[in-house]
C-alpha atoms as a PDB file:
ATOM      1  CA  MET A   1      21.732  -1.606  15.884  1.00  0.00           C
ATOM      2  CA  LYS A   2      21.414  -5.200  14.537  1.00  0.00           C
ATOM      3  CA  LYS A   3      18.789  -5.926  16.836  1.00  0.00           C
ATOM      4  CA  ILE A   4      16.938  -2.591  16.177  1.00  0.00           C
ATOM      5  CA  ALA A   5      16.900  -3.618  12.970  1.00  0.00           C
ATOM      6  CA  ALA A   6      15.884  -6.899  13.197  1.00  0.00           C
ATOM      7  CA  VAL A   7      13.080  -6.185  15.712  1.00  0.00           C
ATOM      8  CA  ALA A   8      11.669  -3.016  13.058  1.00  0.00           C
ATOM      9  CA  GLY A   9      11.528  -5.503  10.475  1.00  0.00           C
ATOM     10  CA  LEU A  10       9.421  -8.040  12.543  1.00  0.00           C
ATOM     11  CA  VAL A  11       7.250  -5.346  13.472  1.00  0.00           C
ATOM     12  CA  VAL A  12       6.398  -4.757  10.142  1.00  0.00           C
ATOM     13  CA  VAL A  13       6.188  -8.375   9.193  1.00  0.00           C
ATOM     14  CA  ALA A  14       3.884  -8.534  12.395  1.00  0.00           C
ATOM     15  CA  ALA A  15       1.675  -5.508  11.379  1.00  0.00           C
ATOM     16  CA  LEU A  16       1.432  -6.810   7.509  1.00  0.00           C
ATOM     17  CA  GLY A  17      -0.479  -9.945   8.749  1.00  0.00           C
ATOM     18  CA  GLY A  18       3.103 -11.777   7.287  1.00  0.00           C
ATOM     19  CA  THR A  19       2.913 -15.290   7.596  1.00  0.00           C
ATOM     20  CA  SER A  20       6.145 -17.347   8.337  1.00  0.00           C
ATOM     21  CA  ALA A  21       7.077 -20.193   5.648  1.00  0.00           C
ATOM     22  CA  ALA A  22       9.478 -22.580   5.476  1.00  0.00           C
ATOM     23  CA  GLY A  23      12.742 -20.589   3.765  1.00  0.00           C
ATOM     24  CA  ASP A  24      12.520 -16.969   3.490  1.00  0.00           C
ATOM     25  CA  GLY A  25      10.266 -16.536   6.609  1.00  0.00           C
ATOM     26  CA  ILE A  26       7.702 -14.618   4.475  1.00  0.00           C
ATOM     27  CA  ASP A  27       4.877 -15.805   2.745  1.00  0.00           C
ATOM     28  CA  GLN A  28       4.851 -13.251  -0.306  1.00  0.00           C
ATOM     29  CA  HIS A  29       1.849 -11.978  -1.785  1.00  0.00           C
ATOM     30  CA  GLU A  30       2.162 -12.717  -6.308  1.00  0.00           C
ATOM     31  CA  VAL A  31       1.587 -10.467  -8.134  1.00  0.00           C
ATOM     32  CA  SER A  32       2.084  -9.301 -12.042  1.00  0.00           C
ATOM     33  CA  GLN A  33       5.213  -6.876 -12.921  1.00  0.00           C
ATOM     34  CA  GLU A  34       2.281  -4.157 -13.493  1.00  0.00           C
ATOM     35  CA  GLN A  35       0.926  -4.511 -10.173  1.00  0.00           C
ATOM     36  CA  TYR A  36       4.171  -4.687  -8.630  1.00  0.00           C
ATOM     37  CA  GLN A  37       5.221  -1.439 -10.242  1.00  0.00           C
ATOM     38  CA  THR A  38       1.811  -0.119  -9.712  1.00  0.00           C
ATOM     39  CA  LEU A  39       2.062  -0.761  -5.947  1.00  0.00           C
ATOM     40  CA  ILE A  40       5.625   0.537  -5.574  1.00  0.00           C
ATOM     41  CA  GLY A  41       4.580   3.736  -7.719  1.00  0.00           C
ATOM     42  CA  GLN A  42       1.534   4.547  -5.412  1.00  0.00           C
ATOM     43  CA  CYS A  43       3.722   5.150  -2.326  1.00  0.00           C
ATOM     44  CA  GLN A  44       5.063   8.571  -4.223  1.00  0.00           C
ATOM     45  CA  TYR A  45       1.644   9.789  -3.133  1.00  0.00           C
ATOM     46  CA  ALA A  46       2.425   8.968   0.678  1.00  0.00           C
ATOM     47  CA  ASN A  47       2.248  12.702   2.689  1.00  0.00           C
ATOM     48  CA  THR A  48       5.797  12.306   4.373  1.00  0.00           C
ATOM     49  CA  ALA A  49       9.031  11.134   3.221  1.00  0.00           C
ATOM     50  CA  ARG A  50       8.797   8.420   6.303  1.00  0.00           C
ATOM     51  CA  ALA A  51       5.351   7.231   5.029  1.00  0.00           C
ATOM     52  CA  ARG A  52       6.717   6.894   1.339  1.00  0.00           C
ATOM     53  CA  THR A  53       9.691   4.937   2.122  1.00  0.00           C
ATOM     54  CA  GLN A  54       7.820   2.974   4.274  1.00  0.00           C
ATOM     55  CA  CYS A  55       5.378   1.947   1.994  1.00  0.00           C
ATOM     56  CA  ARG A  56       8.068   0.980  -0.436  1.00  0.00           C
ATOM     57  CA  GLU A  57       9.123  -1.345   2.137  1.00  0.00           C
ATOM     58  CA  GLU A  58       6.210  -3.124   2.611  1.00  0.00           C
ATOM     59  CA  VAL A  59       5.274  -3.416  -0.830  1.00  0.00           C
ATOM     60  CA  LYS A  60       9.132  -5.084  -0.722  1.00  0.00           C
ATOM     61  CA  VAL A  61       8.221  -7.244   2.035  1.00  0.00           C
ATOM     62  CA  ARG A  62       4.631  -8.206   1.168  1.00  0.00           C
ATOM     63  CA  TYR A  63       4.480  -9.194  -2.690  1.00  0.00           C
ATOM     64  CA  ARG A  64       6.753 -10.535  -5.120  1.00  0.00           C
ATOM     65  CA  ILE A  65       6.633 -10.613  -8.775  1.00  0.00           C
ATOM     66  CA  GLY A  66       5.168 -13.288 -10.208  1.00  0.00           C
ATOM     67  CA  LYS A  67       1.359 -14.058 -11.562  1.00  0.00           C
ATOM     68  CA  THR A  68      -1.585 -11.400 -11.874  1.00  0.00           C
ATOM     69  CA  ASP A  69      -3.300 -11.535  -8.920  1.00  0.00           C
ATOM     70  CA  THR A  70      -7.021 -10.791 -10.328  1.00  0.00           C
ATOM     71  CA  SER A  71      -8.245 -10.622  -6.514  1.00  0.00           C
ATOM     72  CA  LEU A  72      -6.062  -7.711  -6.188  1.00  0.00           C
ATOM     73  CA  ASP A  73      -8.244  -4.706  -5.831  1.00  0.00           C
ATOM     74  CA  CYS A  74      -6.868  -2.180  -8.374  1.00  0.00           C
ATOM     75  CA  ARG A  75      -8.533   0.919  -9.375  1.00  0.00           C
ATOM     76  CA  THR A  76      -8.037   4.398 -11.542  1.00  0.00           C
ATOM     77  CA  PHE A  77      -9.384   7.479 -10.774  1.00  0.00           C
ATOM     78  CA  SER A  78      -8.242  11.459 -12.171  1.00  0.00           C
ATOM     79  CA  GLY A  79      -4.945   9.326 -13.768  1.00  0.00           C
ATOM     80  CA  VAL A  80      -3.722   7.882 -10.725  1.00  0.00           C
ATOM     81  CA  THR A  81      -3.805   4.040 -10.143  1.00  0.00           C
ATOM     82  CA  VAL A  82      -3.039   2.003  -6.876  1.00  0.00           C
ATOM     83  CA  CYS A  83      -3.724  -1.091  -5.870  1.00  0.00           C
ATOM     84  CA  GLY A  84      -5.056  -2.547  -2.323  1.00  0.00           C
ATOM     85  CA  THR A  85      -5.736  -1.392   0.513  1.00  0.00           C
ATOM     86  CA  LEU A  86      -4.859   2.225   1.128  1.00  0.00           C
ATOM     87  CA  ARG A  87      -3.138   3.913   4.022  1.00  0.00           C
ATOM     88  CA  LEU A  88      -4.954   6.677   4.633  1.00  0.00           C
ATOM     89  CA  SER A  89      -3.227   9.904   6.962  1.00  0.00           C
ATOM     90  CA  LYS A  90      -5.676  11.740   8.992  1.00  0.00           C
ATOM     91  CA  ALA A  91      -6.145  14.566   6.799  1.00  0.00           C
ATOM     92  CA  GLU A  92      -6.567  12.267   3.827  1.00  0.00           C
ATOM     93  CA  ARG A  93      -9.981  10.149   5.619  1.00  0.00           C
ATOM     94  CA  GLN A  94     -11.317  13.539   6.770  1.00  0.00           C
ATOM     95  CA  CYS A  95     -10.780  14.487   2.762  1.00  0.00           C
ATOM     96  CA  THR A  96     -12.288  11.172   1.321  1.00  0.00           C
ATOM     97  CA  GLU A  97     -15.572  11.567   4.292  1.00  0.00           C
ATOM     98  CA  GLU A  98     -16.342  14.870   3.013  1.00  0.00           C
ATOM     99  CA  SER A  99     -15.803  13.672  -0.287  1.00  0.00           C
ATOM    100  CA  THR A 100     -18.804  11.049  -0.118  1.00  0.00           C
ATOM    101  CA  GLU A 101     -20.989  13.207   1.889  1.00  0.00           C
ATOM    102  CA  GLN A 102     -20.837  15.369  -1.411  1.00  0.00           C
ATOM    103  CA  GLY A 103     -21.599  11.923  -3.695  1.00  0.00           C
ATOM    104  CA  VAL A 104     -18.389  11.177  -5.169  1.00  0.00           C
ATOM    105  CA  SER A 105     -17.841   7.441  -4.631  1.00  0.00           C
ATOM    106  CA  PHE A 106     -15.835   6.365  -1.999  1.00  0.00           C
ATOM    107  CA  ARG A 107     -13.825   4.804  -4.349  1.00  0.00           C
ATOM    108  CA  ARG A 108     -12.768   7.595  -5.800  1.00  0.00           C
ATOM    109  CA  ALA A 109     -12.702  10.062  -2.894  1.00  0.00           C
ATOM    110  CA  GLU A 110     -10.148   7.918  -1.054  1.00  0.00           C
ATOM    111  CA  VAL A 111      -8.038   8.033  -4.638  1.00  0.00           C
ATOM    112  CA  GLU A 112      -8.206  11.558  -5.235  1.00  0.00           C
ATOM    113  CA  CYS A 113      -7.588  11.832  -1.430  1.00  0.00           C
ATOM    114  CA  TYR A 114      -4.358   9.871  -0.993  1.00  0.00           C
ATOM    115  CA  ALA A 115      -3.046  11.395  -4.309  1.00  0.00           C
ATOM    116  CA  PHE A 116      -3.672  15.123  -3.752  1.00  0.00           C
ATOM    117  CA  SER A 117      -4.380  16.109  -0.386  1.00  0.00           C
END
């Protein structure tokens, strides 16, 4: 069982593009407390329980609280704030495409389809 967990952890790190660093094994990206809370909070919109859990685990592996990252892409539409790259389901990608074809900006469509589809 421990081998499976270790391999799963390595797969997550590899999938996230994690790099090795002396000490903790992962070079985490530093973000503010508010940015970290947004990243964790946006996981509630993932479309399955498994996707929500995976999202939260990826945030914990990839980010750590420190100073504000001014280059982190955070945006708010329809009362929903998200940061970074969203992992959209097939239906959410289709929703985004349809919305942009109707004139909605990509960034708005992406957030709204992620949160409300």
